[in-house]
């Protein structure tokens, strides 16, 4: 075998190897695009979650379109007038438009707010001024409707936007006692971004891993 023939054999081998490798990569990419990953675990950030954990299971029914989910978060907000400790639980189901458990989806769920309010330095007119915090609960449930988009692959990204329907009062009622004096009191809630008397705005991003 002369030098020219040897170079020709090497060139043909390189071309064949490159084509084979490229074909294998394309096959892996094509296979990855149709794999349905049934478990999604991650984190959500936004309103009302602020930051919390998220879990979703894509069920093998209706072409992998139904996916129950569960979210939980807890956080605190403190100002000079009020301190708030909030835990938020949301559960429901996502309905995906395709059969791969990703892409666009609509969501229907229930949100549960458990809130403890501490009012600081309350003034009852000329009767009484309290310098110690007074605690009361402020809890409500919402019916959540959302639209969202979730990417595919092992590492996913999610975006959701919607609204939680409920009736939220403008104030909370409690009974304050101090120095043998007891008085019923109604305290108006301060404005909270994203919350109105008809419900709460929902908007969040999420990311995590799919299995």
Protein backbone atom coordinates (compact mmCIF):
# COMPACT_ATOMS: atom_id res chain seq x y z
CA UNK A 1 0.00 0.00 0.00
CA UNK A 2 1.54 3.27 -1.08
CA UNK A 3 1.25 6.58 0.83
CA UNK A 4 -1.66 7.90 -1.28
CA UNK A 5 -3.73 4.78 -0.69
CA UNK A 6 -2.99 4.89 3.03
CA UNK A 7 -4.15 8.51 3.25
CA UNK A 8 -7.30 7.60 1.34
CA UNK A 9 -8.11 4.77 3.77
CA UNK A 10 -7.56 7.08 6.76
CA UNK A 11 -9.79 9.76 5.21
CA UNK A 12 -12.57 7.28 4.51
CA UNK A 13 -12.34 5.93 8.09
CA UNK A 14 -12.53 9.42 9.58
CA UNK A 15 -15.58 10.28 7.45
CA UNK A 16 -17.34 7.04 8.38
CA UNK A 17 -16.57 7.52 12.07
CA UNK A 18 -17.80 11.12 12.01
CA UNK A 19 -21.05 10.12 10.30
CA UNK A 20 -21.59 7.30 12.78
CA UNK A 21 -20.92 9.58 15.76
CA UNK A 22 -23.21 12.29 14.40
CA UNK A 23 -25.97 9.75 13.81
CA UNK A 24 -25.66 8.44 17.35
CA UNK A 25 -25.82 11.96 18.79
CA UNK A 26 -28.95 12.71 16.75
CA UNK A 27 -30.53 9.44 17.90
CA UNK A 28 -29.81 10.34 21.55
CA UNK A 29 -31.28 13.82 21.07
CA UNK A 30 -34.35 12.40 19.36
CA UNK A 31 -34.80 9.83 22.12
CA UNK A 32 -34.38 12.50 24.80
CA UNK A 33 -37.06 14.62 23.15
CA UNK A 34 -39.69 11.89 23.52
CA UNK A 35 -38.75 10.66 27.00
CA UNK A 36 -41.46 11.36 29.55
CA UNK A 37 -40.01 12.24 32.94
CA UNK A 38 -42.69 11.55 35.53
CA UNK A 39 -41.23 13.18 38.66
CA UNK A 40 -40.32 16.87 38.93
CA UNK A 41 -38.70 18.22 42.09
CA UNK A 42 -37.60 21.83 42.42
CA UNK A 43 -37.99 25.34 43.82
CA UNK A 44 -40.49 28.11 43.06
CA UNK A 45 -39.91 31.82 43.55
CA UNK A 46 -42.52 34.57 43.22
CA UNK A 47 -45.96 35.50 44.51
CA UNK A 48 -47.37 34.13 46.76
CA UNK A 49 -44.69 31.46 47.18
CA UNK A 50 -41.85 33.93 47.75
CA UNK A 51 -39.55 30.92 47.90
CA UNK A 52 -40.53 27.30 48.55
CA UNK A 53 -40.35 23.70 47.46
CA UNK A 54 -42.34 22.15 44.62
CA UNK A 55 -43.15 18.58 43.62
CA UNK A 56 -45.05 17.28 40.59
CA UNK A 57 -45.91 13.79 39.31
CA UNK A 58 -46.85 13.27 35.65
CA UNK A 59 -49.38 10.43 35.58
CA UNK A 60 -49.39 7.94 32.67
CA UNK A 61 -53.02 8.73 31.85
CA UNK A 62 -54.55 10.73 29.01
CA UNK A 63 -51.23 10.62 27.19
CA UNK A 64 -49.12 11.89 30.13
CA UNK A 65 -51.12 15.10 30.35
CA UNK A 66 -52.33 15.01 33.98
CA UNK A 67 -49.81 16.08 36.64
CA UNK A 68 -50.79 16.55 40.31
CA UNK A 69 -48.55 19.00 42.17
CA UNK A 70 -47.76 20.12 45.71
CA UNK A 71 -46.07 23.40 46.76
CA UNK A 72 -45.10 24.65 50.20
CA UNK A 73 -43.37 27.75 51.53
CA UNK A 74 -43.08 29.80 54.70
CA UNK A 75 -41.79 33.31 55.28
CA UNK A 76 -42.09 36.40 57.51
CA UNK A 77 -42.65 40.11 56.83
CA UNK A 78 -41.81 42.69 59.52
CA UNK A 79 -42.57 46.44 59.60
CA UNK A 80 -42.81 49.02 62.39
CA UNK A 81 -46.58 48.51 62.66
CA UNK A 82 -47.11 44.84 61.90
CA UNK A 83 -45.23 41.54 61.84
CA UNK A 84 -46.54 38.74 59.67
CA UNK A 85 -45.65 35.05 59.66
CA UNK A 86 -47.11 33.21 56.67
CA UNK A 87 -47.13 29.60 55.59
CA UNK A 88 -48.50 28.80 52.15
CA UNK A 89 -49.65 25.42 50.88
CA UNK A 90 -50.90 24.80 47.36
CA UNK A 91 -52.03 21.59 45.72
CA UNK A 92 -53.84 20.76 42.51
CA UNK A 93 -53.25 19.41 39.04
CA UNK A 94 -51.66 20.64 35.82
CA UNK A 95 -53.05 19.71 32.42
CA UNK A 96 -50.35 19.65 29.71
CA UNK A 97 -51.22 20.32 26.10
CA UNK A 98 -48.83 17.68 24.72
CA UNK A 99 -48.05 14.06 25.65
CA UNK A 100 -44.55 14.58 27.09
CA UNK A 101 -45.28 16.20 30.45
CA UNK A 102 -43.82 19.55 29.44
CA UNK A 103 -44.61 22.61 27.33
CA UNK A 104 -47.73 24.71 27.86
CA UNK A 105 -50.22 23.76 30.58
CA UNK A 106 -53.22 25.04 32.48
CA UNK A 107 -53.56 24.55 36.21
CA UNK A 108 -56.36 24.32 38.74
CA UNK A 109 -55.61 24.12 42.45
CA UNK A 110 -56.29 25.21 46.01
CA UNK A 111 -54.13 27.53 48.09
CA UNK A 112 -54.18 27.68 51.88
CA UNK A 113 -52.79 30.67 53.79
CA UNK A 114 -52.08 30.32 57.50
CA UNK A 115 -51.11 33.76 58.76
CA UNK A 116 -50.19 35.04 62.22
CA UNK A 117 -50.33 38.83 62.62
CA UNK A 118 -48.65 40.77 65.41
CA UNK A 119 -49.74 44.42 65.74
CA UNK A 120 -47.26 46.69 67.48
CA UNK A 121 -48.03 49.79 69.65
CA UNK A 122 -51.78 49.84 69.02
CA UNK A 123 -53.67 53.01 69.97
CA UNK A 124 -57.28 52.70 71.24
CA UNK A 125 -57.91 56.43 71.23
CA UNK A 126 -57.77 58.04 74.68
CA UNK A 127 -58.55 54.77 76.40
CA UNK A 128 -55.42 52.76 75.98
CA UNK A 129 -52.13 52.52 74.16
CA UNK A 130 -50.46 49.14 73.98
CA UNK A 131 -46.73 48.84 73.53
CA UNK A 132 -46.73 45.04 73.52
CA UNK A 133 -47.63 43.15 70.30
CA UNK A 134 -51.11 41.65 70.04
CA UNK A 135 -51.41 38.45 68.01
CA UNK A 136 -54.27 37.27 65.85
CA UNK A 137 -54.74 34.80 63.01
CA UNK A 138 -55.67 35.77 59.48
CA UNK A 139 -56.31 32.68 57.34
CA UNK A 140 -58.00 32.19 53.99
CA UNK A 141 -58.21 29.70 51.14
CA UNK A 142 -58.04 30.41 47.40
CA UNK A 143 -59.07 28.66 44.21
CA UNK A 144 -56.10 29.05 41.87
CA UNK A 145 -56.28 29.21 38.07
CA UNK A 146 -52.98 29.47 36.20
CA UNK A 147 -51.35 29.24 32.79
CA UNK A 148 -47.80 28.01 32.56
CA UNK A 149 -44.88 26.78 30.51
CA UNK A 150 -42.36 24.10 31.49
CA UNK A 151 -39.24 23.11 29.60
CA UNK A 152 -38.21 19.52 28.96
CA UNK A 153 -34.97 17.73 29.78
CA UNK A 154 -33.37 16.59 33.02
CA UNK A 155 -33.08 20.19 34.29
CA UNK A 156 -36.31 22.09 33.80
CA UNK A 157 -37.47 25.70 33.98
CA UNK A 158 -41.08 26.66 34.72
CA UNK A 159 -43.11 29.89 34.48
CA UNK A 160 -46.64 30.38 35.86
CA UNK A 161 -49.10 33.28 35.88
CA UNK A 162 -52.63 33.29 37.31
CA UNK A 163 -55.00 34.42 40.04
CA UNK A 164 -56.27 32.99 43.33
CA UNK A 165 -59.98 33.63 43.80
CA UNK A 166 -61.27 34.37 47.30
CA UNK A 167 -62.88 37.05 49.46
CA UNK A 168 -60.25 38.84 51.54
CA UNK A 169 -61.52 41.19 54.29
CA UNK A 170 -60.06 44.67 54.70
CA UNK A 171 -59.49 44.27 58.44
CA UNK A 172 -59.14 41.75 61.24
CA UNK A 173 -61.00 41.71 64.57
CA UNK A 174 -59.58 40.76 67.96
CA UNK A 175 -59.97 41.49 71.67
CA UNK A 176 -57.16 43.29 73.49
CA UNK A 177 -56.68 43.11 77.26
CA UNK A 178 -54.28 45.28 79.25
CA UNK A 179 -54.25 46.35 82.90
CA UNK A 180 -57.69 44.90 83.55
CA UNK A 181 -59.19 46.71 80.57
CA UNK A 182 -60.61 44.70 77.67
CA UNK A 183 -61.72 46.19 74.39
CA UNK A 184 -62.78 44.83 71.02
CA UNK A 185 -60.68 46.22 68.24
CA UNK A 186 -60.69 46.13 64.47
CA UNK A 187 -57.39 46.81 62.70
CA UNK A 188 -57.27 47.65 59.02
CA UNK A 189 -54.83 45.57 57.03
CA UNK A 190 -52.00 47.50 55.38
CA UNK A 191 -51.79 47.37 51.56
CA UNK A 192 -50.05 44.21 50.39
CA UNK A 193 -48.79 44.12 46.78
CA UNK A 194 -50.68 41.59 44.66
CA UNK A 195 -53.56 41.14 47.12
CA UNK A 196 -57.04 42.65 46.69
CA UNK A 197 -60.46 42.03 48.20
CA UNK A 198 -61.28 39.56 45.40
CA UNK A 199 -58.12 37.46 45.55
CA UNK A 200 -54.40 37.32 45.07
CA UNK A 201 -52.14 37.58 42.04
CA UNK A 202 -50.05 34.50 41.28
CA UNK A 203 -46.80 34.77 39.39
CA UNK A 204 -43.73 32.63 39.82
CA UNK A 205 -40.76 30.97 38.20
CA UNK A 206 -39.48 27.54 39.08
CA UNK A 207 -36.58 25.27 38.30
CA UNK A 208 -35.40 21.84 39.31
CA UNK A 209 -34.73 18.30 38.12
CA UNK A 210 -36.91 15.77 36.30
CA UNK A 211 -36.60 12.01 36.64
